[in-house]
Amino acid sequence: MAVEFKRAGFLTKIVVLVLLIYMAVTLLELRGRIQALQEKGDSLADQVNDQRWENRKLEDAIANSSDPDMLEQVARDRGYVEQNEILFVDVAN
């Protein structure tokens, strides 16, 4: 018993072509969205790394908060000077 195939009609070919075009456009759109989300993920990962670095600096500052050298540096950063010291301010910048 031989199986006979009907030849696809013109309408069937058009439907298949439209479906293929739709699938191609959808895949390209999804590819663009995936790239955008990967870039956003990379940006967020950079932000996480920056925040971790800032947290480490703050943890170090807390751990050394009773260190006299650290306290002096913080005071100097805020513009304080020791007794009998003169503070010069660069106004050119």
PDB file of N, CA and C in Angstrom:
ATOM      1  N   MET A   1       0.832  -1.157   0.000  1.00  0.00           N
ATOM      2  CA  MET A   1       0.000   0.000   0.000  1.00  0.00           C
ATOM      3  C   MET A   1       0.893   1.241   0.000  1.00  0.00           C
ATOM      4  N   ALA A   2       0.830   2.003  -0.991  1.00  0.00           N
ATOM      5  CA  ALA A   2       1.650   3.199  -1.169  1.00  0.00           C
ATOM      6  C   ALA A   2       0.903   4.413  -0.618  1.00  0.00           C
ATOM      7  N   VAL A   3       1.628   5.256   0.062  1.00  0.00           N
ATOM      8  CA  VAL A   3       1.038   6.462   0.619  1.00  0.00           C
ATOM      9  C   VAL A   3       1.238   7.576  -0.382  1.00  0.00           C
ATOM     10  N   GLU A   4       0.167   8.238  -0.694  1.00  0.00           N
ATOM     11  CA  GLU A   4       0.255   9.334  -1.646  1.00  0.00           C
ATOM     12  C   GLU A   4       0.150  10.652  -0.880  1.00  0.00           C
ATOM     13  N   PHE A   5       1.033  11.582  -1.227  1.00  0.00           N
ATOM     14  CA  PHE A   5       1.022  12.908  -0.602  1.00  0.00           C
ATOM     15  C   PHE A   5       0.383  13.893  -1.544  1.00  0.00           C
ATOM     16  N   LYS A   6      -0.441  14.743  -0.953  1.00  0.00           N
ATOM     17  CA  LYS A   6      -1.020  15.812  -1.746  1.00  0.00           C
ATOM     18  C   LYS A   6      -0.001  16.937  -1.826  1.00  0.00           C
ATOM     19  N   ARG A   7       0.059  17.561  -2.912  1.00  0.00           N
ATOM     20  CA  ARG A   7       0.951  18.689  -3.080  1.00  0.00           C
ATOM     21  C   ARG A   7       0.351  19.892  -2.346  1.00  0.00           C
ATOM     22  N   ALA A   8       1.221  20.649  -1.619  1.00  0.00           N
ATOM     23  CA  ALA A   8       0.741  21.793  -0.840  1.00  0.00           C
ATOM     24  C   ALA A   8       0.215  22.865  -1.778  1.00  0.00           C
ATOM     25  N   GLY A   9      -0.897  23.430  -1.382  1.00  0.00           N
ATOM     26  CA  GLY A   9      -1.504  24.466  -2.194  1.00  0.00           C
ATOM     27  C   GLY A   9      -0.831  25.818  -1.951  1.00  0.00           C
ATOM     28  N   PHE A  10      -1.191  26.773  -2.762  1.00  0.00           N
ATOM     29  CA  PHE A  10      -0.620  28.114  -2.687  1.00  0.00           C
ATOM     30  C   PHE A  10      -0.926  28.759  -1.331  1.00  0.00           C
ATOM     31  N   LEU A  11      -2.136  28.614  -0.838  1.00  0.00           N
ATOM     32  CA  LEU A  11      -2.526  29.190   0.450  1.00  0.00           C
ATOM     33  C   LEU A  11      -1.708  28.582   1.593  1.00  0.00           C
ATOM     34  N   THR A  12      -1.466  27.299   1.540  1.00  0.00           N
ATOM     35  CA  THR A  12      -0.668  26.629   2.571  1.00  0.00           C
ATOM     36  C   THR A  12       0.757  27.172   2.581  1.00  0.00           C
ATOM     37  N   LYS A  13       1.319  27.382   1.408  1.00  0.00           N
ATOM     38  CA  LYS A  13       2.677  27.925   1.311  1.00  0.00           C
ATOM     39  C   LYS A  13       2.742  29.337   1.888  1.00  0.00           C
ATOM     40  N   ILE A  14       1.733  30.138   1.632  1.00  0.00           N
ATOM     41  CA  ILE A  14       1.691  31.507   2.158  1.00  0.00           C
ATOM     42  C   ILE A  14       1.606  31.481   3.688  1.00  0.00           C
ATOM     43  N   VAL A  15       0.760  30.606   4.235  1.00  0.00           N
ATOM     44  CA  VAL A  15       0.609  30.502   5.684  1.00  0.00           C
ATOM     45  C   VAL A  15       1.930  30.087   6.326  1.00  0.00           C
ATOM     46  N   VAL A  16       2.603  29.107   5.740  1.00  0.00           N
ATOM     47  CA  VAL A  16       3.889  28.645   6.270  1.00  0.00           C
ATOM     48  C   VAL A  16       4.923  29.767   6.195  1.00  0.00           C
ATOM     49  N   LEU A  17       4.944  30.501   5.099  1.00  0.00           N
ATOM     50  CA  LEU A  17       5.882  31.612   4.942  1.00  0.00           C
ATOM     51  C   LEU A  17       5.624  32.706   5.982  1.00  0.00           C
ATOM     52  N   VAL A  18       4.361  33.031   6.197  1.00  0.00           N
ATOM     53  CA  VAL A  18       4.014  34.050   7.201  1.00  0.00           C
ATOM     54  C   VAL A  18       4.432  33.587   8.592  1.00  0.00           C
ATOM     55  N   LEU A  19       4.194  32.322   8.895  1.00  0.00           N
ATOM     56  CA  LEU A  19       4.603  31.794  10.200  1.00  0.00           C
ATOM     57  C   LEU A  19       6.118  31.831  10.370  1.00  0.00           C
ATOM     58  N   LEU A  20       6.862  31.496   9.329  1.00  0.00           N
ATOM     59  CA  LEU A  20       8.324  31.541   9.402  1.00  0.00           C
ATOM     60  C   LEU A  20       8.819  32.971   9.621  1.00  0.00           C
ATOM     61  N   ILE A  21       8.223  33.927   8.932  1.00  0.00           N
ATOM     62  CA  ILE A  21       8.613  35.327   9.102  1.00  0.00           C
ATOM     63  C   ILE A  21       8.287  35.793  10.528  1.00  0.00           C
ATOM     64  N   TYR A  22       7.127  35.424  11.018  1.00  0.00           N
ATOM     65  CA  TYR A  22       6.729  35.786  12.378  1.00  0.00           C
ATOM     66  C   TYR A  22       7.716  35.215  13.399  1.00  0.00           C
ATOM     67  N   MET A  23       8.088  33.945  13.225  1.00  0.00           N
ATOM     68  CA  MET A  23       9.024  33.308  14.146  1.00  0.00           C
ATOM     69  C   MET A  23      10.385  33.992  14.088  1.00  0.00           C
ATOM     70  N   ALA A  24      10.853  34.356  12.903  1.00  0.00           N
ATOM     71  CA  ALA A  24      12.150  35.017  12.770  1.00  0.00           C
ATOM     72  C   ALA A  24      12.135  36.376  13.458  1.00  0.00           C
ATOM     73  N   VAL A  25      11.070  37.144  13.244  1.00  0.00           N
ATOM     74  CA  VAL A  25      10.965  38.463  13.880  1.00  0.00           C
ATOM     75  C   VAL A  25      10.902  38.320  15.392  1.00  0.00           C
ATOM     76  N   THR A  26      10.158  37.365  15.875  1.00  0.00           N
ATOM     77  CA  THR A  26      10.031  37.138  17.312  1.00  0.00           C
ATOM     78  C   THR A  26      11.369  36.732  17.919  1.00  0.00           C
ATOM     79  N   LEU A  27      12.105  35.868  17.238  1.00  0.00           N
ATOM     80  CA  LEU A  27      13.414  35.448  17.740  1.00  0.00           C
ATOM     81  C   LEU A  27      14.386  36.619  17.796  1.00  0.00           C
ATOM     82  N   LEU A  28      14.374  37.480  16.779  1.00  0.00           N
ATOM     83  CA  LEU A  28      15.256  38.652  16.786  1.00  0.00           C
ATOM     84  C   LEU A  28      14.886  39.603  17.922  1.00  0.00           C
ATOM     85  N   GLU A  29      13.592  39.775  18.146  1.00  0.00           N
ATOM     86  CA  GLU A  29      13.140  40.630  19.245  1.00  0.00           C
ATOM     87  C   GLU A  29      13.570  40.059  20.590  1.00  0.00           C
ATOM     88  N   LEU A  30      13.424  38.763  20.757  1.00  0.00           N
ATOM     89  CA  LEU A  30      13.837  38.119  22.006  1.00  0.00           C
ATOM     90  C   LEU A  30      15.345  38.220  22.202  1.00  0.00           C
ATOM     91  N   ARG A  31      16.091  38.108  21.136  1.00  0.00           N
ATOM     92  CA  ARG A  31      17.547  38.228  21.219  1.00  0.00           C
ATOM     93  C   ARG A  31      17.934  39.626  21.706  1.00  0.00           C
ATOM     94  N   GLY A  32      17.258  40.644  21.189  1.00  0.00           N
ATOM     95  CA  GLY A  32      17.515  42.007  21.632  1.00  0.00           C
ATOM     96  C   GLY A  32      17.175  42.203  23.103  1.00  0.00           C
ATOM     97  N   ARG A  33      16.064  41.638  23.528  1.00  0.00           N
ATOM     98  CA  ARG A  33      15.665  41.751  24.936  1.00  0.00           C
ATOM     99  C   ARG A  33      16.652  41.025  25.845  1.00  0.00           C
ATOM    100  N   ILE A  34      17.136  39.875  25.397  1.00  0.00           N
ATOM    101  CA  ILE A  34      18.115  39.122  26.186  1.00  0.00           C
ATOM    102  C   ILE A  34      19.396  39.933  26.327  1.00  0.00           C
ATOM    103  N   GLN A  35      19.863  40.543  25.242  1.00  0.00           N
ATOM    104  CA  GLN A  35      21.072  41.364  25.309  1.00  0.00           C
ATOM    105  C   GLN A  35      20.887  42.530  26.273  1.00  0.00           C
ATOM    106  N   ALA A  36      19.734  43.189  26.194  1.00  0.00           N
ATOM    107  CA  ALA A  36      19.473  44.324  27.085  1.00  0.00           C
ATOM    108  C   ALA A  36      19.466  43.872  28.546  1.00  0.00           C
ATOM    109  N   LEU A  37      18.871  42.724  28.814  1.00  0.00           N
ATOM    110  CA  LEU A  37      18.823  42.223  30.190  1.00  0.00           C
ATOM    111  C   LEU A  37      20.204  41.789  30.667  1.00  0.00           C
ATOM    112  N   GLN A  38      21.028  41.241  29.772  1.00  0.00           N
ATOM    113  CA  GLN A  38      22.390  40.873  30.154  1.00  0.00           C
ATOM    114  C   GLN A  38      23.201  42.122  30.493  1.00  0.00           C
ATOM    115  N   GLU A  39      23.034  43.184  29.709  1.00  0.00           N
ATOM    116  CA  GLU A  39      23.738  44.427  29.997  1.00  0.00           C
ATOM    117  C   GLU A  39      23.280  45.013  31.327  1.00  0.00           C
ATOM    118  N   LYS A  40      21.980  44.939  31.589  1.00  0.00           N
ATOM    119  CA  LYS A  40      21.459  45.425  32.863  1.00  0.00           C
ATOM    120  C   LYS A  40      22.013  44.590  34.012  1.00  0.00           C
ATOM    121  N   GLY A  41      22.081  43.283  33.807  1.00  0.00           N
ATOM    122  CA  GLY A  41      22.642  42.400  34.835  1.00  0.00           C
ATOM    123  C   GLY A  41      24.109  42.708  35.104  1.00  0.00           C
ATOM    124  N   ASP A  42      24.873  42.978  34.048  1.00  0.00           N
ATOM    125  CA  ASP A  42      26.278  43.347  34.217  1.00  0.00           C
ATOM    126  C   ASP A  42      26.406  44.655  34.994  1.00  0.00           C
ATOM    127  N   SER A  43      25.535  45.605  34.671  1.00  0.00           N
ATOM    128  CA  SER A  43      25.552  46.891  35.375  1.00  0.00           C
ATOM    129  C   SER A  43      25.226  46.697  36.853  1.00  0.00           C
ATOM    130  N   LEU A  44      24.244  45.871  37.133  1.00  0.00           N
ATOM    131  CA  LEU A  44      23.875  45.602  38.529  1.00  0.00           C
ATOM    132  C   LEU A  44      24.991  44.866  39.265  1.00  0.00           C
ATOM    133  N   ALA A  45      25.679  43.968  38.577  1.00  0.00           N
ATOM    134  CA  ALA A  45      26.801  43.257  39.191  1.00  0.00           C
ATOM    135  C   ALA A  45      27.920  44.242  39.532  1.00  0.00           C
ATOM    136  N   ASP A  46      28.163  45.215  38.653  1.00  0.00           N
ATOM    137  CA  ASP A  46      29.161  46.247  38.945  1.00  0.00           C
ATOM    138  C   ASP A  46      28.754  47.067  40.164  1.00  0.00           C
ATOM    139  N   GLN A  47      27.469  47.392  40.250  1.00  0.00           N
ATOM    140  CA  GLN A  47      26.986  48.148  41.407  1.00  0.00           C
ATOM    141  C   GLN A  47      27.163  47.348  42.695  1.00  0.00           C
ATOM    142  N   VAL A  48      26.912  46.040  42.621  1.00  0.00           N
ATOM    143  CA  VAL A  48      27.073  45.174  43.793  1.00  0.00           C
ATOM    144  C   VAL A  48      28.540  45.162  44.221  1.00  0.00           C
ATOM    145  N   ASN A  49      29.447  45.041  43.249  1.00  0.00           N
ATOM    146  CA  ASN A  49      30.875  45.033  43.582  1.00  0.00           C
ATOM    147  C   ASN A  49      31.301  46.362  44.196  1.00  0.00           C
ATOM    148  N   ASP A  50      30.815  47.472  43.641  1.00  0.00           N
ATOM    149  CA  ASP A  50      31.129  48.789  44.205  1.00  0.00           C
ATOM    150  C   ASP A  50      30.620  48.909  45.632  1.00  0.00           C
ATOM    151  N   GLN A  51      29.413  48.427  45.879  1.00  0.00           N
ATOM    152  CA  GLN A  51      28.838  48.501  47.226  1.00  0.00           C
ATOM    153  C   GLN A  51      29.606  47.612  48.189  1.00  0.00           C
ATOM    154  N   ARG A  52      30.040  46.445  47.731  1.00  0.00           N
ATOM    155  CA  ARG A  52      30.834  45.566  48.600  1.00  0.00           C
ATOM    156  C   ARG A  52      32.143  46.237  48.980  1.00  0.00           C
ATOM    157  N   TRP A  53      32.779  46.914  48.011  1.00  0.00           N
ATOM    158  CA  TRP A  53      34.022  47.624  48.287  1.00  0.00           C
ATOM    159  C   TRP A  53      33.773  48.723  49.314  1.00  0.00           C
ATOM    160  N   GLU A  54      32.707  49.479  49.153  1.00  0.00           N
ATOM    161  CA  GLU A  54      32.368  50.540  50.104  1.00  0.00           C
ATOM    162  C   GLU A  54      32.092  49.942  51.486  1.00  0.00           C
ATOM    163  N   ASN A  55      31.407  48.809  51.537  1.00  0.00           N
ATOM    164  CA  ASN A  55      31.126  48.141  52.817  1.00  0.00           C
ATOM    165  C   ASN A  55      32.414  47.708  53.502  1.00  0.00           C
ATOM    166  N   ARG A  56      33.369  47.185  52.701  1.00  0.00           N
ATOM    167  CA  ARG A  56      34.656  46.780  53.285  1.00  0.00           C
ATOM    168  C   ARG A  56      35.387  47.981  53.884  1.00  0.00           C
ATOM    169  N   LYS A  57      35.344  49.106  53.170  1.00  0.00           N
ATOM    170  CA  LYS A  57      35.995  50.311  53.688  1.00  0.00           C
ATOM    171  C   LYS A  57      35.341  50.760  54.985  1.00  0.00           C
ATOM    172  N   LEU A  58      34.004  50.698  55.032  1.00  0.00           N
ATOM    173  CA  LEU A  58      33.301  51.095  56.248  1.00  0.00           C
ATOM    174  C   LEU A  58      33.565  50.118  57.400  1.00  0.00           C
ATOM    175  N   GLU A  59      33.621  48.826  57.096  1.00  0.00           N
ATOM    176  CA  GLU A  59      33.938  47.837  58.130  1.00  0.00           C
ATOM    177  C   GLU A  59      35.332  48.086  58.694  1.00  0.00           C
ATOM    178  N   ASP A  60      36.274  48.421  57.810  1.00  0.00           N
ATOM    179  CA  ASP A  60      37.632  48.723  58.251  1.00  0.00           C
ATOM    180  C   ASP A  60      37.638  49.979  59.120  1.00  0.00           C
ATOM    181  N   ALA A  61      36.867  50.983  58.724  1.00  0.00           N
ATOM    182  CA  ALA A  61      36.797  52.215  59.513  1.00  0.00           C
ATOM    183  C   ALA A  61      36.191  51.941  60.887  1.00  0.00           C
ATOM    184  N   ILE A  62      35.183  51.095  60.950  1.00  0.00           N
ATOM    185  CA  ILE A  62      34.567  50.752  62.236  1.00  0.00           C
ATOM    186  C   ILE A  62      35.546  49.964  63.098  1.00  0.00           C
ATOM    187  N   ALA A  63      36.250  49.021  62.470  1.00  0.00           N
ATOM    188  CA  ALA A  63      37.192  48.190  63.221  1.00  0.00           C
ATOM    189  C   ALA A  63      38.337  49.031  63.786  1.00  0.00           C
ATOM    190  N   ASN A  64      38.712  50.076  63.084  1.00  0.00           N
ATOM    191  CA  ASN A  64      39.832  50.912  63.517  1.00  0.00           C
ATOM    192  C   ASN A  64      39.364  52.232  64.121  1.00  0.00           C
ATOM    193  N   SER A  65      38.124  52.294  64.546  1.00  0.00           N
ATOM    194  CA  SER A  65      37.575  53.563  65.039  1.00  0.00           C
ATOM    195  C   SER A  65      38.233  54.035  66.330  1.00  0.00           C
ATOM    196  N   SER A  66      38.842  53.141  67.082  1.00  0.00           N
ATOM    197  CA  SER A  66      39.504  53.556  68.316  1.00  0.00           C
ATOM    198  C   SER A  66      40.992  53.809  68.109  1.00  0.00           C
ATOM    199  N   ASP A  67      41.490  53.629  66.913  1.00  0.00           N
ATOM    200  CA  ASP A  67      42.900  53.867  66.596  1.00  0.00           C
ATOM    201  C   ASP A  67      43.164  55.372  66.566  1.00  0.00           C
ATOM    202  N   PRO A  68      44.109  55.866  67.353  1.00  0.00           N
ATOM    203  CA  PRO A  68      44.375  57.307  67.391  1.00  0.00           C
ATOM    204  C   PRO A  68      44.784  57.891  66.030  1.00  0.00           C
ATOM    205  N   ASP A  69      45.543  57.135  65.258  1.00  0.00           N
ATOM    206  CA  ASP A  69      45.941  57.626  63.936  1.00  0.00           C
ATOM    207  C   ASP A  69      44.724  57.787  63.025  1.00  0.00           C
ATOM    208  N   MET A  70      43.796  56.850  63.109  1.00  0.00           N
ATOM    209  CA  MET A  70      42.575  56.921  62.301  1.00  0.00           C
ATOM    210  C   MET A  70      41.724  58.109  62.731  1.00  0.00           C
ATOM    211  N   LEU A  71      41.602  58.316  64.028  1.00  0.00           N
ATOM    212  CA  LEU A  71      40.824  59.447  64.530  1.00  0.00           C
ATOM    213  C   LEU A  71      41.450  60.773  64.092  1.00  0.00           C
ATOM    214  N   GLU A  72      42.767  60.839  64.129  1.00  0.00           N
ATOM    215  CA  GLU A  72      43.446  62.058  63.691  1.00  0.00           C
ATOM    216  C   GLU A  72      43.209  62.307  62.208  1.00  0.00           C
ATOM    217  N   GLN A  73      43.271  61.254  61.409  1.00  0.00           N
ATOM    218  CA  GLN A  73      43.056  61.400  59.966  1.00  0.00           C
ATOM    219  C   GLN A  73      41.636  61.871  59.660  1.00  0.00           C
ATOM    220  N   VAL A  74      40.663  61.321  60.362  1.00  0.00           N
ATOM    221  CA  VAL A  74      39.277  61.740  60.166  1.00  0.00           C
ATOM    222  C   VAL A  74      39.115  63.206  60.544  1.00  0.00           C
ATOM    223  N   ALA A  75      39.709  63.597  61.652  1.00  0.00           N
ATOM    224  CA  ALA A  75      39.613  64.991  62.092  1.00  0.00           C
ATOM    225  C   ALA A  75      40.272  65.919  61.070  1.00  0.00           C
ATOM    226  N   ARG A  76      41.422  65.534  60.567  1.00  0.00           N
ATOM    227  CA  ARG A  76      42.112  66.363  59.573  1.00  0.00           C
ATOM    228  C   ARG A  76      41.308  66.453  58.277  1.00  0.00           C
ATOM    229  N   ASP A  77      40.657  65.350  57.894  1.00  0.00           N
ATOM    230  CA  ASP A  77      39.818  65.371  56.684  1.00  0.00           C
ATOM    231  C   ASP A  77      38.658  66.348  56.833  1.00  0.00           C
ATOM    232  N   ARG A  78      38.220  66.557  58.048  1.00  0.00           N
ATOM    233  CA  ARG A  78      37.104  67.482  58.302  1.00  0.00           C
ATOM    234  C   ARG A  78      37.577  68.914  58.564  1.00  0.00           C
ATOM    235  N   GLY A  79      38.896  69.133  58.480  1.00  0.00           N
ATOM    236  CA  GLY A  79      39.415  70.493  58.610  1.00  0.00           C
ATOM    237  C   GLY A  79      39.889  70.872  59.993  1.00  0.00           C
ATOM    238  N   TYR A  80      39.922  69.950  60.913  1.00  0.00           N
ATOM    239  CA  TYR A  80      40.410  70.250  62.262  1.00  0.00           C
ATOM    240  C   TYR A  80      41.929  70.216  62.275  1.00  0.00           C
ATOM    241  N   VAL A  81      42.518  71.020  63.148  1.00  0.00           N
ATOM    242  CA  VAL A  81      43.969  71.032  63.304  1.00  0.00           C
ATOM    243  C   VAL A  81      44.292  70.905  64.784  1.00  0.00           C
ATOM    244  N   GLU A  82      45.540  70.555  65.058  1.00  0.00           N
ATOM    245  CA  GLU A  82      45.970  70.476  66.445  1.00  0.00           C
ATOM    246  C   GLU A  82      46.277  71.875  66.961  1.00  0.00           C
ATOM    247  N   GLN A  83      46.406  71.963  68.251  1.00  0.00           N
ATOM    248  CA  GLN A  83      46.699  73.242  68.874  1.00  0.00           C
ATOM    249  C   GLN A  83      48.047  73.758  68.375  1.00  0.00           C
ATOM    250  N   ASN A  84      48.119  75.042  68.076  1.00  0.00           N
ATOM    251  CA  ASN A  84      49.316  75.720  67.590  1.00  0.00           C
ATOM    252  C   ASN A  84      49.685  75.329  66.156  1.00  0.00           C
ATOM    253  N   GLU A  85      48.790  74.690  65.419  1.00  0.00           N
ATOM    254  CA  GLU A  85      49.014  74.408  64.000  1.00  0.00           C
ATOM    255  C   GLU A  85      48.301  75.469  63.189  1.00  0.00           C
ATOM    256  N   ILE A  86      48.819  75.722  62.004  1.00  0.00           N
ATOM    257  CA  ILE A  86      48.191  76.680  61.097  1.00  0.00           C
ATOM    258  C   ILE A  86      47.684  75.904  59.900  1.00  0.00           C
ATOM    259  N   LEU A  87      46.434  76.157  59.535  1.00  0.00           N
ATOM    260  CA  LEU A  87      45.819  75.488  58.398  1.00  0.00           C
ATOM    261  C   LEU A  87      45.875  76.424  57.186  1.00  0.00           C
ATOM    262  N   PHE A  88      46.483  75.955  56.121  1.00  0.00           N
ATOM    263  CA  PHE A  88      46.537  76.715  54.877  1.00  0.00           C
ATOM    264  C   PHE A  88      45.520  76.121  53.921  1.00  0.00           C
ATOM    265  N   VAL A  89      44.693  76.984  53.341  1.00  0.00           N
ATOM    266  CA  VAL A  89      43.661  76.534  52.412  1.00  0.00           C
ATOM    267  C   VAL A  89      44.051  76.999  51.017  1.00  0.00           C
ATOM    268  N   ASP A  90      44.083  76.089  50.092  1.00  0.00           N
ATOM    269  CA  ASP A  90      44.395  76.410  48.700  1.00  0.00           C
ATOM    270  C   ASP A  90      43.132  76.933  48.033  1.00  0.00           C
ATOM    271  N   VAL A  91      43.099  78.229  47.772  1.00  0.00           N
ATOM    272  CA  VAL A  91      41.916  78.838  47.165  1.00  0.00           C
ATOM    273  C   VAL A  91      42.031  78.908  45.649  1.00  0.00           C
ATOM    274  N   ALA A  92      43.156  78.456  45.104  1.00  0.00           N
ATOM    275  CA  ALA A  92      43.343  78.508  43.653  1.00  0.00           C
ATOM    276  C   ALA A  92      42.468  77.483  42.931  1.00  0.00           C
ATOM    277  N   ASN A  93      42.083  76.445  43.620  1.00  0.00           N
ATOM    278  CA  ASN A  93      41.278  75.403  42.974  1.00  0.00           C
ATOM    279  C   ASN A  93      39.845  75.586  43.275  1.00  0.00           C
TER     280      ASN A  93
END
